[in-house]
Amino acid sequence: MRILIIEDEDLAVKKIRKILQTVDEQAIVAGVTDSIKSTVEWLAQHPTPDLILMDIELSDGQSFEIFRLTEVKSPVIFTTSYDEYALKAFKVNSIDYLLKPVQKEELQAALDKYKRMQGKFGTGETNDESLKLDNLLKELCQQLQPREYRQRFLVKHGQKFVSVEVHEIAYFFSDGRLNFFKTTDNRKFVVDYTMDELEDMIDPRSYFRISRSFYVSAGCIEKIDEYFGNRLILGLKPTIDKEALVSREKVMDFKKWMGK
């Protein structure tokens, strides 16, 4: 099995070489490139490799540009430093990705997957079950593109409408009938969206859904206490006459989010 490694970090290349030697005696590193330009040139000058291990971020741009500049006939296993959340949908497809630093067990599993699907590549035949590299790349590109989140909400205040910037909002909450948000200066407004709809509108780096009825910003949290049932209870600013409980199944993710 001839493998092309596309990676611009020398230490990462050395580690991948070492792991390949231990997990597959038949694996041969046919070449190593470190940029879009050198990869396009290598593919034009050498026989098609059986498999490509490709880093997403290269010294001269994202490796997706390679597919625009030349025909890539080999199946690809991506290596990336991107958070797994951004790629979880891509994970279910048969072309794999590995989070850096690459681990032996994960590379072994990816190579095993490649071997199981060898018959689906290089034949020129396509069917409903065969994976098309270009479609997978489009899917991955869409996931990696910066997502647009709402910058402001237009809400009713008496007989008029007010535009409130998202960064002014301390938290969103529901009373079971209506949904509201409170601003950092303690103004309260009704918001005409369900909590599920808000999930697609607000940046998860800035707001965390602690339960079915609460989204909180990190800046509004004054204290965090343990609560029975393996939950947490938050003290919020501005104050609210409703318990802000982090549900049991969200506690671990909430702690990670607060620690970022």
Protein backbone atom coordinates (compact mmCIF):
# COMPACT_ATOMS: atom_id res chain seq x y z
CA MET A 1 0.00 0.00 0.00
CA ARG A 2 1.61 3.24 -1.20
CA ILE A 3 0.74 6.28 0.93
CA LEU A 4 1.24 9.98 0.29
CA ILE A 5 1.56 12.10 3.44
CA ILE A 6 0.51 15.72 3.07
CA GLU A 7 1.64 17.50 6.23
CA ASP A 8 3.61 20.69 6.94
CA GLU A 9 4.78 19.80 10.45
CA ASP A 10 7.98 17.75 10.55
CA LEU A 11 7.21 16.20 13.92
CA ALA A 12 3.78 15.10 12.72
CA VAL A 13 5.34 13.48 9.64
CA LYS A 14 7.84 11.58 11.78
CA LYS A 15 5.10 10.36 14.10
CA ILE A 16 2.88 9.20 11.21
CA ARG A 17 5.83 7.37 9.61
CA LYS A 18 6.60 5.63 12.89
CA ILE A 19 2.99 4.59 13.48
CA LEU A 20 2.64 3.28 9.93
CA GLN A 21 5.67 1.05 10.43
CA THR A 22 4.08 -0.51 13.51
CA VAL A 23 0.49 -0.95 12.29
CA ASP A 24 1.00 -2.12 8.70
CA GLU A 25 4.15 -3.78 7.38
CA GLN A 26 2.92 -3.32 3.81
CA ALA A 27 2.50 0.44 4.15
CA ILE A 28 5.08 2.36 2.10
CA VAL A 29 5.40 6.13 2.30
CA ALA A 30 5.58 7.00 -1.38
CA GLY A 31 6.09 10.68 -0.72
CA VAL A 32 5.70 13.62 1.63
CA THR A 33 4.49 17.09 0.63
CA ASP A 34 3.98 20.14 2.81
CA SER A 35 1.91 22.55 0.74
CA ILE A 36 -0.82 22.84 -1.88
CA LYS A 37 1.75 23.69 -4.58
CA SER A 38 4.12 20.81 -3.83
CA THR A 39 1.22 18.34 -3.59
CA VAL A 40 -0.21 19.30 -6.98
CA GLU A 41 3.27 18.93 -8.49
CA TRP A 42 3.85 15.56 -6.79
CA LEU A 43 0.54 14.14 -8.00
CA ALA A 44 1.33 15.23 -11.55
CA GLN A 45 4.75 13.59 -11.51
CA HIS A 46 4.14 10.30 -9.68
CA PRO A 47 1.85 7.27 -9.97
CA THR A 48 -1.43 7.55 -8.07
CA PRO A 49 -0.93 6.49 -4.43
CA ASP A 50 -3.27 3.95 -2.87
CA LEU A 51 -4.11 6.28 -0.01
CA ILE A 52 -3.49 9.89 1.05
CA LEU A 53 -3.10 11.12 4.61
CA MET A 54 -3.90 14.82 4.29
CA ASP A 55 -3.65 17.62 6.83
CA ILE A 56 -6.37 20.25 6.33
CA GLU A 57 -4.32 23.33 7.24
CA LEU A 58 -1.14 23.64 5.13
CA SER A 59 1.50 26.34 4.94
CA ASP A 60 -0.12 27.95 1.88
CA GLY A 61 -3.81 27.41 2.63
CA GLN A 62 -6.43 24.73 3.19
CA SER A 63 -5.80 21.44 1.43
CA PHE A 64 -9.24 21.53 -0.21
CA GLU A 65 -7.65 23.78 -2.82
CA ILE A 66 -5.72 20.73 -4.07
CA PHE A 67 -8.96 19.20 -5.31
CA ARG A 68 -9.73 22.33 -7.31
CA LEU A 69 -6.32 22.35 -8.97
CA THR A 70 -5.94 18.69 -9.86
CA GLU A 71 -7.83 15.42 -9.96
CA VAL A 72 -7.33 13.39 -6.80
CA LYS A 73 -8.00 9.75 -7.58
CA SER A 74 -6.99 8.31 -4.22
CA PRO A 75 -9.16 7.95 -1.11
CA VAL A 76 -8.22 10.41 1.61
CA ILE A 77 -7.94 10.23 5.38
CA PHE A 78 -7.85 13.76 6.77
CA THR A 79 -5.78 14.80 9.76
CA THR A 80 -6.87 17.94 11.53
CA SER A 81 -6.59 20.01 14.67
CA TYR A 82 -10.24 21.04 14.39
CA ASP A 83 -12.53 20.21 17.25
CA GLU A 84 -14.42 16.94 16.83
CA TYR A 85 -17.76 18.76 17.13
CA ALA A 86 -17.15 20.54 13.81
CA LEU A 87 -16.59 17.24 12.06
CA LYS A 88 -18.97 14.85 13.78
CA ALA A 89 -21.27 14.55 10.76
CA PHE A 90 -18.27 13.81 8.56
CA LYS A 91 -17.21 11.05 10.96
CA VAL A 92 -20.04 8.76 9.88
CA ASN A 93 -18.80 8.66 6.29
CA SER A 94 -16.40 6.00 5.13
CA ILE A 95 -13.52 8.37 4.49
CA ASP A 96 -12.16 8.99 7.95
CA TYR A 97 -10.47 11.87 9.75
CA LEU A 98 -7.98 11.83 12.61
CA LEU A 99 -7.60 14.48 15.26
CA LYS A 100 -4.03 15.63 15.79
CA PRO A 101 -1.83 14.49 17.37
CA VAL A 102 -2.52 11.25 15.49
CA GLN A 103 -2.83 8.22 17.76
CA LYS A 104 -1.77 4.69 16.84
CA GLU A 105 -5.15 3.08 17.53
CA GLU A 106 -7.03 5.67 15.49
CA LEU A 107 -4.72 5.39 12.49
CA GLN A 108 -4.98 1.61 12.67
CA ALA A 109 -8.79 1.82 12.66
CA ALA A 110 -8.73 4.25 9.73
CA LEU A 111 -6.47 1.96 7.70
CA ASP A 112 -8.72 -1.00 8.48
CA LYS A 113 -11.69 1.02 7.25
CA TYR A 114 -9.82 1.89 4.06
CA LYS A 115 -9.07 -1.77 3.39
CA ARG A 116 -12.72 -2.70 3.84
CA MET A 117 -13.80 -0.12 1.29
CA GLN A 118 -10.99 -0.54 -1.26
CA GLY A 119 -13.36 -1.91 -3.87
CA LYS A 120 -15.35 1.31 -3.93
CA PHE A 121 -12.51 3.46 -5.19
CA GLY A 122 -10.56 3.58 -8.39
CA THR A 123 -13.03 1.56 -10.45
CA GLY A 124 -14.79 4.53 -12.01
CA GLU A 125 -18.10 2.93 -11.03
CA THR A 126 -20.58 4.67 -8.80
CA ASN A 127 -23.77 3.55 -7.10
CA ASP A 128 -25.93 4.62 -4.16
CA GLU A 129 -23.62 2.98 -1.66
CA SER A 130 -20.34 4.19 -3.14
CA LEU A 131 -18.88 7.31 -1.60
CA LYS A 132 -17.95 10.17 -3.88
CA LEU A 133 -14.95 12.13 -2.74
CA ASP A 134 -16.13 15.43 -4.16
CA ASN A 135 -19.43 15.24 -2.25
CA LEU A 136 -17.63 14.44 0.98
CA LEU A 137 -15.33 17.39 0.48
CA LYS A 138 -18.25 19.75 -0.10
CA GLU A 139 -19.84 18.51 3.10
CA LEU A 140 -16.66 19.02 5.09
CA CYS A 141 -16.03 22.47 3.61
CA GLN A 142 -19.54 23.56 4.61
CA GLN A 143 -18.94 22.44 8.19
CA LEU A 144 -15.62 24.25 8.44
CA GLN A 145 -16.89 27.55 7.08
CA PRO A 146 -17.53 30.13 9.79
CA ARG A 147 -21.20 30.00 10.70
CA GLU A 148 -23.32 33.12 10.72
CA TYR A 149 -25.12 33.76 14.00
CA ARG A 150 -27.71 36.40 14.82
CA GLN A 151 -26.22 39.76 15.76
CA ARG A 152 -29.36 41.38 17.19
CA PHE A 153 -33.02 40.74 18.03
CA LEU A 154 -35.95 43.01 17.19
CA VAL A 155 -38.34 42.89 20.14
CA LYS A 156 -41.50 44.72 21.13
CA HIS A 157 -41.36 47.23 23.95
CA GLY A 158 -44.74 48.75 24.68
CA GLN A 159 -46.08 50.13 21.41
CA LYS A 160 -42.75 50.23 19.64
CA PHE A 161 -39.96 47.90 18.59
CA VAL A 162 -36.43 47.89 19.98
CA SER A 163 -33.31 46.38 18.44
CA VAL A 164 -31.11 44.66 21.03
CA GLU A 165 -27.57 43.56 20.24
CA VAL A 166 -26.86 39.94 21.17
CA HIS A 167 -23.79 40.89 23.21
CA GLU A 168 -26.12 42.90 25.48
CA ILE A 169 -28.11 39.77 26.41
CA ALA A 170 -27.19 38.05 29.69
CA TYR A 171 -29.43 35.00 29.30
CA PHE A 172 -32.54 33.55 27.64
CA PHE A 173 -35.22 31.71 29.62
CA SER A 174 -38.72 30.30 29.39
CA ASP A 175 -41.60 30.34 31.88
CA GLY A 176 -43.33 27.46 30.11
CA ARG A 177 -45.58 29.74 28.05
CA LEU A 178 -43.37 32.52 26.70
CA ASN A 179 -39.67 32.90 26.08
CA PHE A 180 -37.70 35.91 27.29
CA PHE A 181 -34.25 37.34 27.53
CA LYS A 182 -32.71 39.68 30.07
CA THR A 183 -30.06 42.18 29.14
CA THR A 184 -26.98 42.88 31.23
CA ASP A 185 -28.64 46.11 32.42
CA ASN A 186 -31.69 44.12 33.64
CA ARG A 187 -34.18 44.87 30.87
CA LYS A 188 -36.56 42.01 30.11
CA PHE A 189 -38.08 41.30 26.68
CA VAL A 190 -40.28 38.64 25.11
CA VAL A 191 -38.54 36.87 22.25
CA ASP A 192 -40.66 35.37 19.47
CA TYR A 193 -38.67 32.15 19.05
CA THR A 194 -38.75 28.79 20.75
CA MET A 195 -35.75 27.64 22.75
CA ASP A 196 -35.00 25.07 20.04
CA GLU A 197 -35.07 27.76 17.36
CA LEU A 198 -32.70 29.92 19.40
CA GLU A 199 -30.19 27.07 19.35
CA ASP A 200 -29.55 27.72 15.66
CA MET A 201 -29.38 31.50 16.11
CA ILE A 202 -26.94 32.11 18.95
CA ASP A 203 -23.24 31.35 19.04
CA PRO A 204 -22.52 28.27 21.24
CA ARG A 205 -19.19 29.83 22.19
CA SER A 206 -21.08 32.67 23.89
CA TYR A 207 -24.22 30.93 25.20
CA PHE A 208 -24.79 27.49 26.70
CA ARG A 209 -28.12 25.73 27.01
CA ILE A 210 -28.07 24.46 30.58
CA SER A 211 -31.59 22.99 30.42
CA ARG A 212 -34.72 22.98 28.28
CA SER A 213 -35.62 26.45 29.55
CA PHE A 214 -32.30 28.31 29.92
CA TYR A 215 -29.45 29.66 27.79
CA VAL A 216 -26.78 31.51 29.74
CA SER A 217 -23.74 33.57 28.82
CA ALA A 218 -20.50 33.02 30.72
CA GLY A 219 -20.45 36.67 31.75
CA CYS A 220 -23.78 36.47 33.59
CA ILE A 221 -22.70 33.62 35.90
CA GLU A 222 -21.69 34.91 39.35
CA LYS A 223 -21.42 31.56 41.13
CA ILE A 224 -21.77 27.83 40.54
CA ASP A 225 -22.89 25.47 43.31
CA GLU A 226 -23.52 21.75 43.49
CA TYR A 227 -27.17 20.74 43.60
CA PHE A 228 -28.85 17.47 44.44
CA GLY A 229 -29.33 14.93 41.67
CA ASN A 230 -25.78 15.53 40.35
CA ARG A 231 -26.86 18.91 38.99
CA LEU A 232 -25.48 22.42 39.36
CA ILE A 233 -27.27 25.61 40.32
CA LEU A 234 -26.10 28.96 38.99
CA GLY A 235 -26.25 32.39 40.49
CA LEU A 236 -26.98 34.80 37.64
CA LYS A 237 -26.49 38.52 37.13
CA PRO A 238 -28.94 40.20 36.81
CA THR A 239 -30.89 38.10 39.30
CA ILE A 240 -33.95 36.08 38.36
CA ASP A 241 -36.74 34.54 40.45
CA LYS A 242 -36.29 31.19 38.72
CA GLU A 243 -33.75 28.48 39.52
CA ALA A 244 -31.04 28.26 36.86
CA LEU A 245 -30.23 24.55 37.04
CA VAL A 246 -27.71 22.77 34.88
CA SER A 247 -29.36 19.45 34.02
CA ARG A 248 -27.46 16.31 35.00
CA GLU A 249 -26.73 15.24 31.42
CA LYS A 250 -25.29 18.67 30.60
CA VAL A 251 -23.02 19.13 33.63
CA MET A 252 -19.86 17.73 32.04
CA ASP A 253 -20.28 19.72 28.80
CA PHE A 254 -21.07 22.84 30.80
CA LYS A 255 -17.85 22.48 32.82
CA LYS A 256 -15.84 22.12 29.60
CA TRP A 257 -17.58 25.17 28.11
CA MET A 258 -16.89 27.28 31.19
CA GLY A 259 -13.26 26.20 31.14
CA LYS A 260 -12.58 27.34 27.56
